[in-house]
Amino acid sequence: MTLDELNDLDFNNIGDWPALVKSIVVLLLCVLIAVGGYYLLIEEQYTSLESAERVERDLRGEFETKQAKAANLEAYRAQLAEMEETFGAMLRQLPNKTEVAALLVDVSQTGLASGLEFELFQPQGEQPKEFYAELPIRLRVKGQYHEFGDFVSGLSSLPRIVTIFDVSISGARGGGSAKPGGETLTMTATAKTYRYLDEEGG
């Protein structure tokens, strides 16, 4: 088919066109319909499919995370129960308001039982913290070096928590050598005990 024959084609009478031209036109129309259909219908469905696949991946990841937690749930419960038991045991070592006075007596008696002579036993004001309060006691005692060790050891064996801070040991007032286990020495320190603050703030 020549270019002149193409120019002579009558668009009002497509039925008289040669078979080859009709086939090419039909093929072009099919391609245009396919491309138009893709952009109008299929592309939107592909976008929806990709979005659904992303959601599926997210949900699958969330499911796997929750499944792993669920698989360890009993271990977590056992660990929580153990932590609660430990916390309860620690709380029992903190005196309440009514037990503080008795604990101060215990600290004093522990020092006397160790052979120490108290020059200063001065409870300080309570210092509130996050869920407990510190109760510092300023101490100055006289005795021998091993008696100081007995005193600190006795405090650690009390049923309540007592810690020692700012320890300083020097020769006794009025002279004397500061030899361990021999001459009389003076120890100054701060003993701290702790009280649990209950939900009522007391």
Protein backbone atom coordinates (compact mmCIF):
# COMPACT_ATOMS: atom_id res chain seq x y z
CA MET A 1 0.00 0.00 0.00
CA THR A 2 1.37 3.38 -1.04
CA LEU A 3 1.17 6.77 0.62
CA ASP A 4 -1.31 7.97 -2.03
CA GLU A 5 -3.65 5.10 -1.20
CA LEU A 6 -3.49 6.04 2.48
CA ASN A 7 -4.38 9.62 1.64
CA ASP A 8 -7.35 8.42 -0.38
CA LEU A 9 -8.88 6.51 2.54
CA ASP A 10 -12.39 7.70 3.31
CA PHE A 11 -12.99 7.97 7.10
CA ASN A 12 -16.73 8.01 6.42
CA ASN A 13 -16.52 4.61 4.79
CA ILE A 14 -14.12 2.52 6.89
CA GLY A 15 -15.71 -0.70 5.68
CA ASP A 16 -14.12 -0.22 2.21
CA TRP A 17 -10.59 0.09 3.59
CA PRO A 18 -8.07 -2.63 2.73
CA ALA A 19 -7.85 -5.50 5.24
CA LEU A 20 -4.27 -4.59 6.19
CA VAL A 21 -5.22 -1.01 7.14
CA LYS A 22 -8.26 -2.23 9.09
CA SER A 23 -6.03 -4.66 11.00
CA ILE A 24 -3.51 -1.93 11.86
CA VAL A 25 -6.28 0.43 13.04
CA VAL A 26 -7.86 -2.31 15.17
CA LEU A 27 -4.46 -3.13 16.66
CA LEU A 28 -3.82 0.55 17.49
CA LEU A 29 -7.27 0.84 19.09
CA CYS A 30 -6.59 -2.28 21.19
CA VAL A 31 -3.27 -0.81 22.38
CA LEU A 32 -4.93 2.51 23.26
CA ILE A 33 -7.73 0.72 25.14
CA ALA A 34 -5.20 -1.43 27.02
CA VAL A 35 -3.06 1.58 28.01
CA GLY A 36 -6.13 3.62 28.97
CA GLY A 37 -7.55 0.70 30.96
CA TYR A 38 -4.24 0.26 32.81
CA TYR A 39 -4.08 3.90 33.88
CA LEU A 40 -7.78 4.11 34.68
CA LEU A 41 -8.27 0.78 36.47
CA ILE A 42 -5.21 -1.38 37.00
CA GLU A 43 -2.75 1.26 38.31
CA GLU A 44 -5.13 2.19 41.13
CA GLN A 45 -5.51 -1.48 42.01
CA TYR A 46 -1.71 -1.91 42.07
CA THR A 47 -1.45 1.05 44.44
CA SER A 48 -4.13 -0.48 46.67
CA LEU A 49 -2.33 -3.83 46.54
CA GLU A 50 0.99 -2.26 47.60
CA SER A 51 -0.75 -0.45 50.44
CA ALA A 52 -2.42 -3.68 51.56
CA GLU A 53 0.94 -5.49 51.44
CA ARG A 54 2.52 -2.79 53.63
CA VAL A 55 -0.31 -3.12 56.15
CA GLU A 56 0.10 -6.90 56.08
CA ARG A 57 3.85 -6.59 56.77
CA ASP A 58 3.19 -4.22 59.68
CA LEU A 59 0.52 -6.48 61.12
CA ARG A 60 2.72 -9.54 60.69
CA GLY A 61 5.58 -7.80 62.54
CA GLU A 62 3.21 -6.73 65.32
CA PHE A 63 1.84 -10.26 65.54
CA GLU A 64 5.32 -11.77 65.77
CA THR A 65 6.29 -9.31 68.52
CA LYS A 66 3.15 -10.09 70.52
CA GLN A 67 3.57 -13.81 69.91
CA ALA A 68 7.12 -13.64 71.31
CA LYS A 69 5.83 -11.79 74.38
CA ALA A 70 3.00 -14.27 74.82
CA ALA A 71 5.45 -17.18 74.58
CA ASN A 72 7.46 -15.66 77.47
CA LEU A 73 4.43 -14.57 79.50
CA GLU A 74 4.82 -17.23 82.17
CA ALA A 75 8.52 -16.40 82.57
CA TYR A 76 7.62 -12.70 82.90
CA ARG A 77 4.97 -13.51 85.51
CA ALA A 78 7.42 -15.63 87.49
CA GLN A 79 10.01 -12.87 87.31
CA LEU A 80 7.45 -10.27 88.43
CA ALA A 81 6.40 -12.45 91.37
CA GLU A 82 10.05 -12.88 92.36
CA MET A 83 10.64 -9.12 92.14
CA GLU A 84 7.55 -8.41 94.25
CA GLU A 85 8.75 -10.91 96.86
CA THR A 86 12.23 -9.35 96.93
CA PHE A 87 10.76 -5.85 97.14
CA GLY A 88 8.50 -6.95 99.98
CA ALA A 89 11.47 -8.43 101.84
CA MET A 90 13.39 -5.18 101.41
CA LEU A 91 10.41 -3.13 102.60
CA ARG A 92 10.24 -5.26 105.73
CA GLN A 93 13.80 -4.12 106.48
CA LEU A 94 12.67 -0.48 106.49
CA PRO A 95 11.10 0.62 109.77
CA ASN A 96 7.75 2.34 109.89
CA LYS A 97 7.08 5.39 112.03
CA THR A 98 6.41 3.41 115.17
CA GLU A 99 9.60 1.34 114.81
CA VAL A 100 12.05 4.23 114.32
CA ALA A 101 12.44 4.94 118.03
CA ALA A 102 13.14 1.26 118.74
CA LEU A 103 15.71 1.19 115.93
CA LEU A 104 17.52 4.20 117.43
CA VAL A 105 17.71 2.31 120.71
CA ASP A 106 19.08 -0.74 118.83
CA VAL A 107 21.85 1.37 117.24
CA SER A 108 22.78 2.85 120.62
CA GLN A 109 22.75 -0.54 122.37
CA THR A 110 24.87 -2.07 119.58
CA GLY A 111 27.53 0.58 120.25
CA LEU A 112 27.43 0.03 124.00
CA ALA A 113 27.56 -3.77 123.53
CA SER A 114 30.68 -3.31 121.40
CA GLY A 115 32.38 -1.50 124.29
CA LEU A 116 32.14 1.99 122.84
CA GLU A 117 31.53 5.16 124.81
CA PHE A 118 29.15 7.62 123.13
CA GLU A 119 30.16 11.27 123.14
CA LEU A 120 27.48 12.24 120.60
CA PHE A 121 24.31 10.48 119.47
CA GLN A 122 22.28 13.06 117.57
CA PRO A 123 19.38 12.00 115.28
CA GLN A 124 18.93 14.53 112.46
CA GLY A 125 15.79 15.60 110.64
CA GLU A 126 14.16 13.11 108.29
CA GLN A 127 15.12 13.62 104.64
CA PRO A 128 12.33 12.50 102.23
CA LYS A 129 13.39 10.87 98.95
CA GLU A 130 11.29 9.37 96.13
CA PHE A 131 9.56 6.56 98.05
CA TYR A 132 11.55 6.44 101.28
CA ALA A 133 13.02 8.81 103.85
CA GLU A 134 16.57 8.87 105.21
CA LEU A 135 17.02 9.22 108.95
CA PRO A 136 20.64 10.26 109.60
CA ILE A 137 22.22 10.03 113.07
CA ARG A 138 25.45 11.87 113.84
CA LEU A 139 27.75 9.77 116.00
CA ARG A 140 30.96 10.35 117.92
CA VAL A 141 32.21 7.39 119.93
CA LYS A 142 35.37 6.49 121.82
CA GLY A 143 36.89 3.05 121.89
CA GLN A 144 39.50 0.79 120.41
CA TYR A 145 39.89 -0.03 116.74
CA HIS A 146 38.47 -3.58 116.95
CA GLU A 147 35.48 -2.23 118.92
CA PHE A 148 34.65 0.03 115.99
CA GLY A 149 34.70 -3.07 113.78
CA ASP A 150 32.38 -4.91 116.19
CA PHE A 151 30.02 -1.92 116.17
CA VAL A 152 29.82 -1.70 112.37
CA SER A 153 29.41 -5.49 112.12
CA GLY A 154 26.64 -5.35 114.73
CA LEU A 155 24.81 -2.65 112.74
CA SER A 156 24.93 -4.78 109.60
CA SER A 157 23.35 -7.71 111.46
CA LEU A 158 20.38 -5.66 112.72
CA PRO A 159 17.03 -6.72 111.20
CA ARG A 160 16.65 -3.20 109.77
CA ILE A 161 18.87 -1.50 107.18
CA VAL A 162 21.51 0.78 108.73
CA THR A 163 24.43 2.18 106.74
CA ILE A 164 27.50 4.15 107.85
CA PHE A 165 28.82 7.25 106.03
CA ASP A 166 31.56 9.86 106.52
CA VAL A 167 33.64 7.70 108.89
CA SER A 168 36.65 9.39 110.44
CA ILE A 169 38.93 7.84 113.08
CA SER A 170 41.43 9.87 115.04
CA GLY A 171 43.36 9.78 118.30
CA ALA A 172 41.24 10.27 121.38
CA ARG A 173 40.91 13.79 122.75
CA GLY A 174 43.39 14.52 125.45
CA GLY A 175 46.28 12.77 123.71
CA GLY A 176 47.19 9.18 123.12
CA SER A 177 48.46 7.29 120.10
CA ALA A 178 46.08 6.15 117.35
CA LYS A 179 47.43 2.63 117.08
CA PRO A 180 44.85 0.02 115.95
CA GLY A 181 43.75 -2.29 118.73
CA GLY A 182 45.70 -0.46 121.42
CA GLU A 183 45.04 3.12 122.46
CA THR A 184 41.64 4.73 122.73
CA LEU A 185 40.45 6.29 119.48
CA THR A 186 37.58 8.57 118.48
CA MET A 187 35.33 7.74 115.56
CA THR A 188 32.94 10.24 114.04
CA ALA A 189 30.40 9.02 111.49
CA THR A 190 26.88 9.37 110.23
CA ALA A 191 24.63 6.33 110.52
CA LYS A 192 21.62 6.30 108.23
CA THR A 193 18.52 4.23 108.46
CA TYR A 194 15.60 4.41 106.07
CA ARG A 195 11.83 4.51 106.37
CA TYR A 196 9.38 3.55 103.64
CA LEU A 197 6.93 6.33 102.78
CA ASP A 198 3.52 4.74 102.39
CA GLU A 199 0.86 5.95 99.93
CA GLU A 200 -0.55 8.35 102.49
CA GLY A 201 2.79 10.14 102.55
CA GLY A 202 3.62 8.98 106.07
